[in-house]
Protein backbone atom coordinates (compact mmCIF):
# COMPACT_ATOMS: atom_id res chain seq x y z
CA MET A 1 -8.46 19.16 -57.81
CA LYS A 2 -5.39 16.78 -57.05
CA ASN A 3 -4.28 19.43 -54.80
CA ILE A 4 -7.43 20.04 -52.68
CA ASN A 5 -7.48 16.20 -52.47
CA LEU A 6 -4.12 16.05 -51.14
CA LEU A 7 -4.57 18.86 -48.76
CA MET A 8 -7.79 17.10 -47.34
CA ILE A 9 -5.91 14.12 -46.69
CA ILE A 10 -3.09 15.77 -44.77
CA LEU A 11 -5.74 17.70 -42.71
CA ILE A 12 -7.28 14.59 -42.00
CA SER A 13 -4.35 12.98 -41.07
CA ILE A 14 -3.15 15.83 -38.73
CA PHE A 15 -6.71 15.48 -37.02
CA PHE A 16 -6.38 11.56 -36.56
CA ILE A 17 -2.85 12.00 -35.18
CA GLY A 18 -3.78 14.62 -32.93
CA LYS A 19 -6.71 12.62 -31.64
CA CYS A 20 -4.24 9.93 -31.17
CA TRP A 21 -1.92 12.15 -28.90
CA ALA A 22 -4.83 13.42 -26.86
CA GLU A 23 -5.41 10.03 -25.77
CA GLU A 24 -3.10 9.85 -22.59
CA VAL A 25 -3.11 10.08 -18.85
CA ASN A 26 -0.71 11.37 -16.56
CA LEU A 27 0.20 9.08 -13.56
CA TYR A 28 2.05 10.24 -10.44
CA SER A 29 3.03 7.08 -8.73
CA ALA A 30 4.76 6.40 -5.38
CA ARG A 31 5.16 2.83 -6.52
CA LYS A 32 8.54 2.00 -7.96
CA GLU A 33 8.52 1.91 -11.94
CA HIS A 34 9.35 -1.71 -12.05
CA LEU A 35 6.15 -2.68 -9.94
CA ILE A 36 3.86 -0.29 -11.93
CA LYS A 37 5.23 -0.67 -15.66
CA PRO A 38 3.79 -4.24 -16.18
CA LEU A 39 0.34 -2.71 -15.37
CA ILE A 40 0.92 0.43 -17.46
CA ASP A 41 2.24 -1.51 -20.60
CA ILE A 42 -1.12 -3.65 -20.79
CA PHE A 43 -3.06 -1.02 -19.96
CA GLU A 44 -1.54 1.01 -23.12
CA LYS A 45 -1.91 -1.99 -25.22
CA ASP A 46 -5.66 -2.69 -24.60
CA THR A 47 -6.79 0.78 -24.62
CA GLY A 48 -4.45 2.71 -26.96
CA ILE A 49 -4.11 5.42 -23.92
CA LYS A 50 -0.50 6.47 -23.32
CA VAL A 51 0.47 6.81 -19.73
CA ASN A 52 2.98 9.41 -18.92
CA LEU A 53 4.60 8.34 -15.68
CA VAL A 54 6.21 10.13 -12.94
CA THR A 55 7.56 8.32 -9.81
CA ALA A 56 8.72 9.62 -6.57
CA LYS A 57 8.18 9.07 -2.78
CA SER A 58 4.81 9.93 -1.50
CA SER A 59 5.78 12.92 0.31
CA GLN A 60 7.45 14.18 -2.77
CA LEU A 61 4.33 13.72 -4.86
CA HIS A 62 2.32 15.43 -2.25
CA GLN A 63 4.33 18.43 -2.28
CA ARG A 64 4.75 18.65 -5.81
CA ILE A 65 0.90 18.67 -6.25
CA LEU A 66 0.65 21.19 -3.69
CA ARG A 67 3.11 23.31 -5.56
CA GLU A 68 1.56 22.77 -8.85
CA GLY A 69 -2.00 23.72 -7.53
CA ASN A 70 -4.69 24.15 -10.32
CA ASN A 71 -1.88 23.71 -12.75
CA SER A 72 -1.05 20.34 -12.10
CA PRO A 73 -0.82 17.84 -14.95
CA ALA A 74 -1.50 14.91 -12.78
CA ASP A 75 -4.45 12.83 -13.46
CA VAL A 76 -4.13 10.10 -11.04
CA LEU A 77 -2.22 9.59 -7.80
CA LEU A 78 -1.27 6.07 -7.01
CA THR A 79 0.53 5.71 -3.70
CA THR A 80 0.75 3.32 -0.63
CA ASP A 81 -1.05 3.27 2.58
CA ALA A 82 -4.48 4.45 3.39
CA GLY A 83 -2.83 7.44 5.82
CA ASN A 84 -1.07 8.80 2.42
CA LEU A 85 -4.52 8.59 0.75
CA TRP A 86 -6.31 9.98 3.50
CA LYS A 87 -3.91 12.85 3.79
CA ALA A 88 -4.48 13.56 0.08
CA SER A 89 -7.92 13.54 0.22
CA ASN A 90 -7.86 15.98 3.47
CA GLU A 91 -5.98 18.44 1.20
CA ASN A 92 -8.70 18.35 -1.50
CA PHE A 93 -6.48 16.62 -3.97
CA PHE A 94 -9.25 14.34 -5.32
CA GLN A 95 -12.43 14.42 -6.94
CA PRO A 96 -15.11 11.64 -6.43
CA ILE A 97 -15.29 8.88 -9.08
CA ASN A 98 -18.77 7.92 -10.02
CA SER A 99 -17.97 4.23 -11.15
CA SER A 100 -20.24 1.36 -10.80
CA ALA A 101 -17.37 -1.05 -11.75
CA LEU A 102 -15.12 0.21 -8.82
CA ASN A 103 -18.13 0.38 -6.45
CA ASN A 104 -19.11 -3.24 -7.16
CA ARG A 105 -15.77 -4.73 -7.21
CA ILE A 106 -13.93 -3.15 -4.27
CA LYS A 107 -15.59 -3.61 -0.80
CA SER A 108 -16.49 -0.17 1.33
CA LYS A 109 -13.73 -0.94 3.69
CA TYR A 110 -11.22 -0.46 1.12
CA ARG A 111 -12.20 2.70 -0.08
CA ASP A 112 -13.08 6.24 0.89
CA LYS A 113 -16.51 6.86 1.92
CA ASP A 114 -17.00 9.75 -0.57
CA ASN A 115 -15.40 7.38 -3.19
CA LEU A 116 -12.33 9.97 -3.45
CA TRP A 117 -9.84 7.16 -3.42
CA PHE A 118 -9.90 3.24 -3.95
CA GLY A 119 -7.56 0.69 -2.68
CA LEU A 120 -6.13 -1.58 -5.18
CA SER A 121 -4.06 -3.91 -3.61
CA LEU A 122 -3.44 -5.38 0.02
CA ARG A 123 -0.31 -6.14 1.95
CA ALA A 124 -0.41 -7.70 5.69
CA ARG A 125 1.76 -6.55 8.54
CA ILE A 126 2.78 -9.81 9.87
CA ILE A 127 5.32 -11.19 12.31
CA VAL A 128 8.51 -12.99 11.24
CA TYR A 129 10.37 -14.98 14.11
CA SER A 130 13.07 -17.29 14.91
CA LEU A 131 12.17 -20.66 14.94
CA ASP A 132 15.09 -21.59 17.48
CA ARG A 133 14.13 -18.74 20.10
CA VAL A 134 10.36 -18.50 19.83
CA SER A 135 7.60 -20.88 20.17
CA LYS A 136 4.68 -19.98 17.61
CA GLU A 137 2.52 -20.73 21.12
CA GLU A 138 4.07 -17.38 22.44
CA LEU A 139 2.69 -15.50 19.80
CA LYS A 140 -0.93 -14.04 20.25
CA GLY A 141 -1.62 -11.24 18.27
CA TYR A 142 0.05 -7.68 17.99
CA LYS A 143 -1.34 -6.83 21.55
CA PHE A 144 0.90 -9.52 23.09
CA LEU A 145 3.89 -7.93 21.71
CA SER A 146 4.06 -5.79 24.70
CA ASN A 147 4.39 -8.31 27.18
CA PRO A 148 7.53 -8.56 29.17
CA ILE A 149 8.40 -12.07 28.29
CA PHE A 150 9.45 -10.25 24.84
CA LYS A 151 12.08 -8.10 26.60
CA ASN A 152 15.08 -7.10 24.17
CA ARG A 153 13.59 -9.47 21.53
CA ILE A 154 11.28 -7.25 19.18
CA LEU A 155 12.61 -5.62 16.11
CA ILE A 156 10.38 -2.91 14.31
CA ARG A 157 11.20 0.09 12.01
CA SER A 158 10.69 3.77 13.08
CA SER A 159 7.34 4.97 14.29
CA GLY A 160 8.02 7.72 11.46
CA ASN A 161 7.28 5.17 9.02
CA ILE A 162 3.59 5.37 7.87
CA TYR A 163 3.14 1.57 7.90
CA ASN A 164 3.80 1.87 11.79
CA GLN A 165 1.59 4.77 12.09
CA SER A 166 -1.36 2.96 10.27
CA LEU A 167 -0.81 -0.05 12.62
CA ILE A 168 -1.12 2.25 15.48
CA ALA A 169 -4.10 3.78 14.16
CA HIS A 170 -5.76 0.43 13.77
CA MET A 171 -5.11 -0.57 17.28
CA ILE A 172 -6.60 2.78 18.67
CA ALA A 173 -9.81 2.14 16.66
CA LYS A 174 -9.92 -1.49 17.87
CA TYR A 175 -8.66 -0.98 21.57
CA GLY A 176 -9.16 2.82 22.18
CA GLU A 177 -6.36 5.50 22.75
CA GLU A 178 -5.71 4.73 26.31
CA ASN A 179 -5.10 0.98 25.93
CA THR A 180 -3.00 1.37 22.68
CA GLU A 181 -0.59 3.85 24.53
CA ILE A 182 -0.06 1.20 27.34
CA TRP A 183 0.46 -1.40 24.68
CA ALA A 184 3.09 1.08 22.78
CA LYS A 185 4.98 1.48 25.97
CA GLY A 186 5.34 -1.89 26.76
CA LEU A 187 6.43 -2.64 22.99
CA VAL A 188 9.30 0.13 23.35
CA ASN A 189 10.31 -1.50 26.66
CA ASN A 190 10.91 -4.90 24.57
CA PHE A 191 12.74 -3.31 21.55
CA ALA A 192 15.96 -5.35 20.91
CA ARG A 193 17.52 -2.15 19.61
CA ASP A 194 16.56 1.14 18.65
CA PRO A 195 14.43 1.14 15.19
CA ALA A 196 16.84 1.28 12.27
CA GLY A 197 16.38 0.40 8.67
CA GLY A 198 13.65 -1.00 6.55
CA ASP A 199 11.52 -4.26 6.97
CA ARG A 200 14.22 -6.34 5.17
CA ASP A 201 16.67 -5.02 7.84
CA GLN A 202 14.66 -6.23 10.72
CA ILE A 203 14.40 -9.77 9.16
CA LYS A 204 18.10 -9.96 8.57
CA ALA A 205 18.63 -8.93 12.21
CA ILE A 206 16.70 -11.80 13.40
CA ALA A 207 19.19 -14.10 11.39
CA ALA A 208 21.95 -12.36 12.90
CA GLY A 209 20.63 -12.88 16.49
CA ILE A 210 20.10 -9.19 17.18
CA GLY A 211 16.27 -9.94 18.10
CA ASP A 212 13.90 -12.65 17.94
CA ILE A 213 10.48 -11.32 16.60
CA ALA A 214 10.16 -8.66 13.57
CA VAL A 215 7.19 -6.93 12.29
CA VAL A 216 7.25 -6.54 8.61
CA ASN A 217 5.08 -6.35 5.43
CA SER A 218 4.19 -9.47 3.73
CA TYR A 219 5.46 -8.72 0.28
CA TYR A 220 8.93 -7.95 1.67
CA ILE A 221 9.13 -11.72 2.83
CA ILE A 222 8.49 -13.06 -0.64
CA ASN A 223 11.03 -10.64 -2.33
CA MET A 224 13.56 -11.89 0.21
CA LEU A 225 12.64 -15.57 -0.57
CA ASN A 226 13.25 -14.81 -4.25
CA SER A 227 16.70 -13.55 -3.64
CA ASP A 228 19.98 -14.78 -2.56
CA ASN A 229 18.57 -14.14 1.01
CA LYS A 230 16.08 -17.16 0.77
CA ASP A 231 18.45 -19.52 2.93
CA MET A 232 18.07 -17.65 6.39
CA PHE A 233 14.16 -18.39 6.13
CA ASN A 234 15.12 -22.01 6.92
CA SER A 235 15.42 -20.88 10.59
CA LEU A 236 12.60 -18.50 10.26
CA GLY A 237 8.67 -18.52 10.96
CA ILE A 238 6.06 -16.69 9.64
CA TYR A 239 2.85 -15.65 11.77
CA PHE A 240 -0.37 -13.83 10.93
CA PRO A 241 -1.40 -11.96 14.28
CA GLU A 242 -4.67 -12.56 15.60
CA ASP A 243 -6.31 -12.27 19.05
CA GLU A 244 -9.71 -12.56 20.45
CA GLU A 245 -10.38 -8.95 19.29
CA MET A 246 -8.28 -8.26 16.41
CA GLY A 247 -7.31 -10.12 13.10
CA THR A 248 -4.38 -9.36 10.81
CA HIS A 249 -3.74 -5.88 9.94
CA PHE A 250 -3.82 -5.23 6.31
CA ASN A 251 -3.17 -1.84 4.42
CA ILE A 252 -3.56 -0.90 0.86
CA SER A 253 -1.90 0.72 -2.16
CA GLY A 254 -4.67 2.97 -3.79
CA ALA A 255 -5.39 5.41 -6.17
CA GLY A 256 -7.36 8.81 -6.68
CA LEU A 257 -8.35 10.79 -9.63
CA LEU A 258 -7.03 14.46 -9.21
CA ILE A 259 -9.50 17.34 -8.74
CA ASN A 260 -8.00 19.40 -11.63
CA ALA A 261 -7.31 16.25 -13.75
CA PRO A 262 -6.90 17.32 -17.46
CA ASN A 263 -7.89 13.97 -18.70
CA PRO A 264 -10.39 12.80 -16.11
CA ASN A 265 -12.08 9.89 -18.16
CA ASN A 266 -8.84 8.40 -18.95
CA GLY A 267 -7.82 8.74 -15.44
CA LYS A 268 -10.90 6.84 -14.32
CA ARG A 269 -10.30 4.20 -17.02
CA LEU A 270 -6.88 3.56 -15.61
CA ILE A 271 -7.92 3.05 -12.14
CA GLU A 272 -10.84 0.80 -13.31
CA PHE A 273 -8.21 -1.40 -15.16
CA LEU A 274 -5.97 -1.46 -12.05
CA ALA A 275 -9.13 -2.96 -10.20
CA SER A 276 -10.15 -5.28 -13.26
CA ASP A 277 -9.39 -9.08 -13.00
CA LYS A 278 -6.20 -8.56 -15.25
CA GLY A 279 -4.91 -5.67 -13.06
CA GLN A 280 -5.52 -7.51 -9.80
CA LYS A 281 -3.71 -10.75 -11.17
CA ILE A 282 -0.67 -8.81 -11.96
CA TYR A 283 -0.56 -7.09 -8.84
CA SER A 284 -0.65 -10.45 -7.28
CA ASN A 285 1.69 -12.19 -9.25
CA ILE A 286 4.42 -9.60 -9.98
CA ASN A 287 4.00 -7.40 -6.75
CA TYR A 288 3.09 -10.12 -4.44
CA GLU A 289 0.18 -8.33 -2.94
CA TYR A 290 -3.24 -9.56 -2.09
CA PRO A 291 -6.11 -8.56 -4.53
CA VAL A 292 -8.70 -6.22 -3.10
CA VAL A 293 -11.25 -8.18 -5.47
CA GLU A 294 -12.54 -11.13 -4.27
CA ASN A 295 -12.25 -14.53 -6.24
CA ILE A 296 -8.85 -13.64 -7.80
CA GLU A 297 -6.41 -16.67 -7.71
CA ILE A 298 -3.19 -15.68 -5.93
CA PRO A 299 0.30 -17.26 -6.65
CA ASN A 300 1.85 -19.90 -4.69
CA GLU A 301 4.03 -17.51 -3.07
CA LEU A 302 1.36 -15.98 -1.23
CA LYS A 303 -0.43 -19.02 -0.50
CA ASN A 304 2.63 -20.55 1.23
CA LEU A 305 2.90 -17.54 3.55
CA GLY A 306 0.02 -19.18 5.41
CA THR A 307 -3.80 -18.35 6.09
CA TYR A 308 -4.85 -15.57 8.05
CA LYS A 309 -8.15 -13.86 9.77
CA GLU A 310 -8.23 -10.30 8.32
CA ASP A 311 -9.52 -7.66 10.78
CA SER A 312 -12.81 -5.88 10.24
CA THR A 313 -11.92 -2.33 11.03
CA ASN A 314 -12.44 0.11 7.78
CA ILE A 315 -8.97 1.11 6.55
CA TYR A 316 -10.40 4.81 6.14
CA GLU A 317 -9.97 4.79 9.97
CA TYR A 318 -6.06 4.50 9.53
CA GLY A 319 -5.94 8.02 7.99
CA GLN A 320 -8.46 9.64 10.36
CA LEU A 321 -6.48 8.44 13.41
CA SER A 322 -3.17 9.12 12.17
CA PHE A 323 -2.29 11.98 13.90
CA LYS A 324 -3.30 10.51 17.33
CA ALA A 325 -1.22 7.58 16.24
CA ILE A 326 1.95 9.99 15.63
CA LYS A 327 1.47 11.68 19.04
CA LEU A 328 0.85 8.59 20.82
CA ALA A 329 4.12 7.03 19.40
CA ASP A 330 5.86 10.30 20.55
CA ARG A 331 4.65 9.98 24.10
CA ALA A 332 5.52 6.10 24.23
CA GLY A 333 9.10 6.74 23.21
CA TRP A 334 8.97 4.95 19.95
CA LYS A 335 11.69 6.89 17.93
C-alpha cells in the first residue's frame, strides 16, 4: 500500500512538473535583449509563463521564420517599424488575434486592419539642429528640408534604412508620389555628405560641424543625453516637424502571433501584457519610447523633448507603400 501511495505521489509530481514546463512562450525579438528583458522578467513573474527569447536583426528573424516554415517554434514575432510588420504579414507569418483588450487599448491607426499585428510603442522621427547655425524659425516640417537654403546642410542615414523608407512612404500617403519624389530630389541635393552611419552618427556630425540639421529617431536623443555625449546637446536644438498638412512622423515597434504558434494562448497573453499599463510604462521609462495606449504617464526625459502634433496617417500605410518608397529613393539618388 505504501508503495502504491509513493507511486501515486511520484506520478502526480511528474504531471504537475510537466504542466509547469508546458507553460512557455517562444519569442523572436528584433529588440535588443537589454531593452526587452525587463518586460519579460515581469511577465514571467506575473504569469508563471517562461519566455524563451531569441534575438536577432529583423531581416535575420524574417529569414529564419521562412526557413523554419510550418515547423517554426516561434509563437510571437516582436520587431521594429510598421514596414517590417507589414512585410511579415504579407508573407502570411501571422494569424489574427481576437482580443478585446488589444482592440480597446490600441487605436486602429497603430494596428493591422485585420488584427494580424499590433503596435506596442512609438518613436518620433524628429530633427536635431545646430543652435549656432540654424534658426528654429527656418524649420517648417519635413517638406521644407528640400528648400535650397539648406544646401550642404542636411544629415540623414541611408534610404536603405527602414526608418527612412517609412518616412518616405508616409509622405507619399500625405502628398502623393510625384510631389514626394520632387521633395526627395531636393533633399538629396541638400545633403552635407553621402549618408553614413546611424542616427547617433548624424547627431555627432552636427556637433563636429559637418552639417547643420539631422533627421533622427527620438529615443536615440535620450540615450545620448543619458551618456557621455550629453554635453554636445548644449549647442543642439530639437524640433518636432509640422507643417500645414503633415504632423510629426511616428513609427512603432509591434508584435504578431505566428500562424503555426505552438503556444498561441501564451503568445496572445504576452502581447496583451506588452499593451497593459504595466508593460507600457516599462517601454516608456526604460526604452524611452512613447506609449501606444492613451493616458500613460511618460518620464521627464520624454516630456523634455518637447510637444508635438502627431500626424493622422494610419501606420499600416507605411508598409503598403514601402515598395514605392524604395523605388522613389533610388530615382532620387538617395543612396
